[in-house]
N, C-alpha and C. Protein backbone atom coordinates (compact mmCIF):
# COMPACT_ATOMS: atom_id res chain seq x y z
N MET A 1 79.88 113.39 102.17
CA MET A 1 79.77 112.12 101.48
C MET A 1 79.99 112.39 99.99
N PHE A 2 81.02 111.76 99.45
CA PHE A 2 81.38 111.95 98.05
C PHE A 2 80.94 110.73 97.25
N ILE A 3 79.94 110.90 96.39
CA ILE A 3 79.37 109.80 95.61
C ILE A 3 80.27 109.51 94.41
N THR A 4 80.65 108.25 94.23
CA THR A 4 81.49 107.88 93.09
C THR A 4 80.77 106.98 92.09
N GLU A 5 79.72 106.28 92.53
CA GLU A 5 79.01 105.40 91.60
C GLU A 5 77.62 105.07 92.14
N CYS A 6 76.66 105.00 91.22
CA CYS A 6 75.30 104.56 91.54
C CYS A 6 74.88 103.59 90.45
N LYS A 7 74.42 102.42 90.86
CA LYS A 7 73.96 101.45 89.86
C LYS A 7 72.93 100.52 90.48
N GLY A 8 72.15 99.94 89.62
CA GLY A 8 71.17 98.98 90.07
C GLY A 8 71.07 97.85 89.06
N TYR A 9 70.62 96.72 89.52
CA TYR A 9 70.47 95.59 88.61
C TYR A 9 69.46 94.60 89.16
N GLU A 10 68.96 93.78 88.24
CA GLU A 10 68.02 92.73 88.61
C GLU A 10 68.81 91.49 89.00
N LEU A 11 68.42 90.90 90.10
CA LEU A 11 69.06 89.65 90.50
C LEU A 11 68.53 88.51 89.64
N GLU A 12 69.36 87.54 89.43
CA GLU A 12 68.98 86.36 88.65
C GLU A 12 69.13 85.13 89.51
N LYS A 13 68.34 84.13 89.19
CA LYS A 13 68.41 82.87 89.95
C LYS A 13 69.79 82.24 89.79
N THR A 14 70.34 81.81 90.91
CA THR A 14 71.58 81.04 90.84
C THR A 14 71.28 79.56 91.00
N LYS A 15 70.15 79.27 91.64
CA LYS A 15 69.67 77.89 91.79
C LYS A 15 68.19 77.89 91.48
N SER A 16 67.69 76.78 91.01
CA SER A 16 66.29 76.71 90.59
C SER A 16 65.30 76.87 91.74
N ASN A 17 65.73 76.63 92.96
CA ASN A 17 64.80 76.70 94.09
C ASN A 17 64.92 78.00 94.89
N THR A 18 65.51 79.04 94.30
CA THR A 18 65.62 80.33 95.00
C THR A 18 64.66 81.34 94.40
N SER A 19 64.44 82.42 95.12
CA SER A 19 63.51 83.45 94.66
C SER A 19 64.24 84.74 94.28
N GLU A 20 65.52 84.65 93.98
CA GLU A 20 66.32 85.84 93.69
C GLU A 20 65.76 86.66 92.53
N ASP A 21 65.13 86.01 91.58
CA ASP A 21 64.64 86.73 90.41
C ASP A 21 63.42 87.61 90.72
N PHE A 22 63.01 87.69 91.97
CA PHE A 22 61.94 88.60 92.39
C PHE A 22 62.49 89.90 92.97
N PHE A 23 63.82 90.06 92.95
CA PHE A 23 64.45 91.18 93.63
C PHE A 23 65.36 92.00 92.73
N ASN A 24 65.49 93.27 93.08
CA ASN A 24 66.47 94.17 92.47
C ASN A 24 67.44 94.59 93.56
N LYS A 25 68.64 94.94 93.13
CA LYS A 25 69.63 95.47 94.06
C LYS A 25 70.10 96.82 93.51
N SER A 26 70.12 97.79 94.38
CA SER A 26 70.60 99.12 94.04
C SER A 26 71.81 99.40 94.93
N GLU A 27 72.86 99.97 94.32
CA GLU A 27 74.10 100.23 95.07
C GLU A 27 74.56 101.66 94.87
N VAL A 28 75.11 102.22 95.91
CA VAL A 28 75.79 103.50 95.81
C VAL A 28 77.15 103.34 96.48
N THR A 29 78.19 103.75 95.76
CA THR A 29 79.55 103.72 96.30
C THR A 29 79.94 105.15 96.60
N PHE A 30 80.49 105.36 97.79
CA PHE A 30 80.81 106.72 98.22
C PHE A 30 82.00 106.71 99.16
N LYS A 31 82.58 107.88 99.34
CA LYS A 31 83.65 108.05 100.31
C LYS A 31 83.10 108.91 101.44
N ASP A 32 83.31 108.42 102.65
CA ASP A 32 82.84 109.12 103.84
C ASP A 32 84.00 109.18 104.82
N THR A 33 84.43 110.36 105.15
CA THR A 33 85.61 110.58 106.00
C THR A 33 86.81 109.77 105.51
N GLY A 34 87.00 109.78 104.19
CA GLY A 34 88.16 109.13 103.59
C GLY A 34 88.04 107.63 103.38
N ILE A 35 86.96 107.02 103.83
CA ILE A 35 86.78 105.57 103.70
C ILE A 35 85.77 105.30 102.59
N GLU A 36 86.15 104.44 101.63
CA GLU A 36 85.22 104.08 100.57
C GLU A 36 84.27 103.00 101.07
N ARG A 37 82.99 103.22 100.83
CA ARG A 37 81.95 102.29 101.26
C ARG A 37 80.98 102.03 100.11
N THR A 38 80.34 100.88 100.16
CA THR A 38 79.26 100.58 99.22
C THR A 38 78.04 100.21 100.04
N PHE A 39 76.94 100.88 99.73
CA PHE A 39 75.67 100.64 100.42
C PHE A 39 74.70 100.03 99.41
N GLN A 40 74.01 98.97 99.82
CA GLN A 40 73.10 98.26 98.92
C GLN A 40 71.69 98.24 99.50
N VAL A 41 70.72 98.39 98.60
CA VAL A 41 69.32 98.21 98.96
C VAL A 41 68.78 97.07 98.12
N LEU A 42 68.29 96.05 98.78
CA LEU A 42 67.65 94.93 98.12
C LEU A 42 66.15 95.13 98.29
N TYR A 43 65.42 95.12 97.18
CA TYR A 43 63.98 95.37 97.26
C TYR A 43 63.23 94.52 96.25
N LEU A 44 61.94 94.38 96.48
CA LEU A 44 61.09 93.59 95.59
C LEU A 44 60.98 94.25 94.22
N ARG A 45 61.24 93.50 93.19
CA ARG A 45 61.16 94.02 91.82
C ARG A 45 59.75 94.52 91.51
N TYR A 46 58.78 93.97 92.16
CA TYR A 46 57.37 94.36 92.00
C TYR A 46 57.19 95.87 92.17
N PHE A 47 57.99 96.50 93.04
CA PHE A 47 57.86 97.94 93.29
C PHE A 47 58.16 98.77 92.04
N ASP A 48 58.94 98.23 91.11
CA ASP A 48 59.25 98.96 89.88
C ASP A 48 57.99 99.27 89.06
N GLU A 49 56.95 98.49 89.27
CA GLU A 49 55.70 98.71 88.53
C GLU A 49 54.99 99.99 88.97
N PHE A 50 55.43 100.57 90.06
CA PHE A 50 54.77 101.75 90.63
C PHE A 50 55.62 103.01 90.52
N ILE A 51 56.51 103.05 89.55
CA ILE A 51 57.40 104.21 89.38
C ILE A 51 56.60 105.51 89.38
N SER A 52 55.51 105.54 88.65
CA SER A 52 54.75 106.78 88.53
C SER A 52 54.05 107.17 89.84
N GLU A 53 53.87 106.25 90.76
CA GLU A 53 53.31 106.58 92.07
C GLU A 53 54.36 107.20 92.99
N PHE A 54 55.60 106.73 92.86
CA PHE A 54 56.67 107.15 93.75
C PHE A 54 57.41 108.38 93.25
N THR A 55 57.45 108.54 91.93
CA THR A 55 58.30 109.56 91.30
C THR A 55 57.52 110.30 90.22
N PRO A 56 58.10 111.36 89.67
CA PRO A 56 57.44 112.04 88.54
C PRO A 56 57.66 111.30 87.21
N TYR A 57 58.40 110.22 87.23
CA TYR A 57 58.73 109.50 86.00
C TYR A 57 57.63 108.49 85.66
N GLN A 58 57.46 108.28 84.35
CA GLN A 58 56.40 107.39 83.90
C GLN A 58 56.92 106.04 83.40
N GLU A 59 58.16 106.02 82.93
CA GLU A 59 58.69 104.79 82.32
C GLU A 59 60.21 104.77 82.39
N GLU A 60 60.75 103.61 82.08
CA GLU A 60 62.20 103.42 82.02
C GLU A 60 62.70 103.77 80.63
N PRO A 61 63.86 104.31 80.46
CA PRO A 61 64.69 104.88 81.51
C PRO A 61 64.04 106.14 82.08
N ILE A 62 64.34 106.44 83.33
CA ILE A 62 63.67 107.56 83.97
C ILE A 62 64.24 108.90 83.53
N PHE A 63 65.54 108.94 83.19
CA PHE A 63 66.13 110.14 82.59
C PHE A 63 67.47 109.77 81.97
N GLU A 64 68.00 110.71 81.21
CA GLU A 64 69.31 110.54 80.57
C GLU A 64 70.32 111.42 81.30
N ALA A 65 71.50 110.88 81.52
CA ALA A 65 72.60 111.65 82.12
C ALA A 65 73.81 111.43 81.23
N GLY A 66 74.09 112.41 80.39
CA GLY A 66 75.16 112.22 79.41
C GLY A 66 74.76 111.11 78.46
N SER A 67 75.61 110.12 78.32
CA SER A 67 75.30 108.99 77.43
C SER A 67 74.62 107.84 78.17
N ARG A 68 74.36 108.02 79.45
CA ARG A 68 73.78 106.95 80.26
C ARG A 68 72.26 107.08 80.35
N SER A 69 71.59 105.96 80.17
CA SER A 69 70.15 105.89 80.42
C SER A 69 69.97 105.41 81.85
N VAL A 70 69.50 106.29 82.71
CA VAL A 70 69.38 105.97 84.14
C VAL A 70 68.06 105.25 84.38
N GLN A 71 68.16 104.10 85.03
CA GLN A 71 67.00 103.28 85.36
C GLN A 71 66.56 103.59 86.79
N PHE A 72 65.32 103.27 87.09
CA PHE A 72 64.78 103.48 88.43
C PHE A 72 65.65 102.80 89.49
N LYS A 73 66.07 101.57 89.22
CA LYS A 73 66.86 100.82 90.20
C LYS A 73 68.22 101.46 90.47
N ASP A 74 68.67 102.35 89.58
CA ASP A 74 69.94 103.05 89.78
C ASP A 74 69.85 104.12 90.88
N ILE A 75 68.65 104.63 91.14
CA ILE A 75 68.51 105.74 92.09
C ILE A 75 68.06 105.31 93.49
N VAL A 76 67.63 104.07 93.66
CA VAL A 76 67.01 103.65 94.93
C VAL A 76 67.96 103.78 96.12
N ALA A 77 69.17 103.23 96.02
CA ALA A 77 70.11 103.30 97.15
C ALA A 77 70.50 104.74 97.45
N LEU A 78 70.67 105.54 96.41
CA LEU A 78 71.00 106.95 96.61
C LEU A 78 69.87 107.67 97.34
N ALA A 79 68.64 107.42 96.91
CA ALA A 79 67.48 108.03 97.58
C ALA A 79 67.42 107.59 99.04
N PHE A 80 67.71 106.33 99.29
CA PHE A 80 67.69 105.82 100.67
C PHE A 80 68.70 106.57 101.53
N LEU A 81 69.92 106.74 101.03
CA LEU A 81 70.95 107.43 101.83
C LEU A 81 70.64 108.91 102.02
N ILE A 82 70.03 109.52 101.02
CA ILE A 82 69.65 110.93 101.17
C ILE A 82 68.59 111.07 102.26
N LYS A 83 67.62 110.18 102.26
CA LYS A 83 66.54 110.25 103.25
C LYS A 83 66.96 109.69 104.62
N ASN A 84 67.97 108.82 104.64
CA ASN A 84 68.41 108.18 105.88
C ASN A 84 69.94 108.23 106.00
N PRO A 85 70.51 109.42 106.15
CA PRO A 85 71.98 109.53 106.16
C PRO A 85 72.65 108.75 107.30
N GLU A 86 71.90 108.44 108.34
CA GLU A 86 72.47 107.69 109.45
C GLU A 86 72.83 106.25 109.06
N PHE A 87 72.40 105.82 107.88
CA PHE A 87 72.69 104.46 107.40
C PHE A 87 74.00 104.37 106.63
N ARG A 88 74.76 105.46 106.57
CA ARG A 88 76.02 105.45 105.81
C ARG A 88 76.98 104.36 106.25
N SER A 89 76.94 103.99 107.50
CA SER A 89 77.87 102.97 107.99
C SER A 89 77.35 101.54 107.77
N ARG A 90 76.10 101.41 107.34
CA ARG A 90 75.54 100.08 107.06
C ARG A 90 75.99 99.60 105.69
N LYS A 91 75.92 98.30 105.48
CA LYS A 91 76.30 97.74 104.17
C LYS A 91 75.09 97.50 103.29
N ARG A 92 73.98 97.05 103.89
CA ARG A 92 72.81 96.76 103.07
C ARG A 92 71.54 96.86 103.89
N VAL A 93 70.45 97.06 103.14
CA VAL A 93 69.12 97.14 103.73
C VAL A 93 68.18 96.37 102.81
N TYR A 94 67.22 95.70 103.41
CA TYR A 94 66.20 94.97 102.66
C TYR A 94 64.86 95.66 102.87
N ILE A 95 64.16 95.95 101.78
CA ILE A 95 62.85 96.60 101.89
C ILE A 95 61.81 95.71 101.22
N ASN A 96 60.81 95.33 102.00
CA ASN A 96 59.72 94.52 101.44
C ASN A 96 58.36 95.16 101.64
N SER A 97 58.35 96.39 102.15
CA SER A 97 57.10 97.10 102.39
C SER A 97 56.95 98.22 101.36
N LYS A 98 55.83 98.22 100.66
CA LYS A 98 55.59 99.26 99.66
C LYS A 98 55.54 100.64 100.31
N ALA A 99 54.96 100.73 101.50
CA ALA A 99 54.88 102.01 102.21
C ALA A 99 56.27 102.53 102.56
N GLU A 100 57.12 101.65 103.07
CA GLU A 100 58.49 102.06 103.40
C GLU A 100 59.24 102.47 102.14
N PHE A 101 59.06 101.69 101.08
CA PHE A 101 59.75 101.98 99.83
C PHE A 101 59.29 103.33 99.27
N SER A 102 58.01 103.58 99.26
CA SER A 102 57.50 104.84 98.70
C SER A 102 57.97 106.05 99.51
N SER A 103 58.20 105.87 100.81
CA SER A 103 58.64 106.99 101.65
C SER A 103 60.03 107.50 101.25
N LEU A 104 60.82 106.66 100.58
CA LEU A 104 62.15 107.08 100.13
C LEU A 104 62.08 108.22 99.13
N PHE A 105 60.99 108.31 98.41
CA PHE A 105 60.89 109.25 97.29
C PHE A 105 60.04 110.47 97.61
N LYS A 106 59.40 110.48 98.78
CA LYS A 106 58.58 111.63 99.17
C LYS A 106 59.47 112.84 99.41
N GLU A 107 59.10 113.95 98.79
CA GLU A 107 59.78 115.24 98.94
C GLU A 107 61.21 115.23 98.42
N LEU A 108 61.58 114.23 97.63
CA LEU A 108 62.91 114.18 97.04
C LEU A 108 62.96 115.10 95.83
N ASP A 109 64.02 115.87 95.70
CA ASP A 109 64.18 116.78 94.57
C ASP A 109 64.80 116.00 93.41
N PHE A 110 63.97 115.55 92.49
CA PHE A 110 64.42 114.67 91.41
C PHE A 110 65.31 115.39 90.40
N GLU A 111 65.13 116.69 90.25
CA GLU A 111 66.01 117.44 89.34
C GLU A 111 67.44 117.44 89.86
N LYS A 112 67.59 117.63 91.15
CA LYS A 112 68.94 117.61 91.74
C LYS A 112 69.53 116.20 91.70
N LEU A 113 68.67 115.21 91.82
CA LEU A 113 69.13 113.82 91.73
C LEU A 113 69.74 113.56 90.35
N ALA A 114 69.10 114.09 89.32
CA ALA A 114 69.62 113.93 87.96
C ALA A 114 70.98 114.61 87.81
N THR A 115 71.19 115.70 88.53
CA THR A 115 72.48 116.40 88.50
C THR A 115 73.60 115.50 88.99
N ILE A 116 73.32 114.71 90.01
CA ILE A 116 74.33 113.79 90.54
C ILE A 116 74.77 112.82 89.45
N PHE A 117 73.82 112.28 88.72
CA PHE A 117 74.15 111.31 87.67
C PHE A 117 74.91 111.96 86.52
N THR A 118 74.58 113.20 86.22
CA THR A 118 75.32 113.92 85.18
C THR A 118 76.78 114.07 85.58
N GLU A 119 77.02 114.46 86.82
CA GLU A 119 78.39 114.60 87.31
C GLU A 119 79.12 113.26 87.34
N LEU A 120 78.42 112.20 87.72
CA LEU A 120 79.03 110.87 87.72
C LEU A 120 79.43 110.46 86.31
N GLU A 121 78.57 110.76 85.35
CA GLU A 121 78.87 110.41 83.95
C GLU A 121 80.04 111.21 83.41
N ASN A 122 80.24 112.40 83.94
CA ASN A 122 81.38 113.23 83.53
C ASN A 122 82.66 112.81 84.25
N GLY A 123 82.57 111.78 85.08
CA GLY A 123 83.74 111.25 85.77
C GLY A 123 84.20 112.07 86.96
N LYS A 124 83.35 112.96 87.44
CA LYS A 124 83.75 113.85 88.51
C LYS A 124 83.35 113.37 89.90
N GLY A 125 82.32 112.57 90.00
CA GLY A 125 81.77 112.25 91.31
C GLY A 125 80.94 113.43 91.79
N PHE A 126 80.34 113.29 92.96
CA PHE A 126 79.47 114.36 93.46
C PHE A 126 79.54 114.39 94.98
N GLU A 127 79.78 115.57 95.51
CA GLU A 127 79.84 115.77 96.96
C GLU A 127 78.47 116.17 97.48
N ILE A 128 77.92 115.37 98.40
CA ILE A 128 76.68 115.74 99.08
C ILE A 128 77.08 116.29 100.44
N ARG A 129 76.95 117.59 100.58
CA ARG A 129 77.32 118.23 101.84
C ARG A 129 76.25 118.01 102.90
N SER A 130 74.99 118.13 102.45
CA SER A 130 73.87 117.93 103.36
C SER A 130 72.72 117.28 102.60
N PRO A 131 72.17 116.21 103.11
CA PRO A 131 71.03 115.57 102.45
C PRO A 131 69.83 116.50 102.30
N VAL A 132 69.75 117.51 103.15
CA VAL A 132 68.64 118.46 103.10
C VAL A 132 68.59 119.18 101.76
N GLU A 133 69.75 119.32 101.10
CA GLU A 133 69.80 119.97 99.79
C GLU A 133 68.96 119.23 98.75
N PHE A 134 68.68 117.96 98.99
CA PHE A 134 67.97 117.13 98.02
C PHE A 134 66.52 116.87 98.41
N ILE A 135 66.07 117.58 99.43
CA ILE A 135 64.68 117.47 99.86
C ILE A 135 63.97 118.76 99.45
N VAL A 136 62.82 118.61 98.81
CA VAL A 136 62.05 119.78 98.39
C VAL A 136 61.57 120.52 99.63
N GLN A 137 61.92 121.80 99.68
CA GLN A 137 61.55 122.62 100.83
C GLN A 137 60.19 123.27 100.58
N PRO A 138 59.34 123.34 101.60
CA PRO A 138 58.04 123.99 101.43
C PRO A 138 58.22 125.46 101.06
N GLN A 139 57.36 125.94 100.19
CA GLN A 139 57.44 127.34 99.74
C GLN A 139 56.77 128.27 100.70
């Protein structure tokens, strides 16, 4: 799986009677067996308040990659695909459970995650050969 882009953003209301402004969307664009795909995770914006529970980060931006300030919402879809590689053929997932959301970040190697963003900022993309490379292995 060759990662070409990771981004996240806050949804905004398109109509006054919708609840879109309670959600964030995180996207990862990648090539898998020569086919370009985009995978999206839609999740409750409320979960952003718990960054320090899910990750080693305390505030936004969570880290810098070159000239880019990486936000928490930028890493969510990538974390999901690393933890659930069988979802590569899906287009989107909706998460409304804090327990399910927090499980995405358990045992994730955040230093290696930052490396992906550095390579993306350098315009190179990043090849993930095995998702296991991004899971912290017991010592």
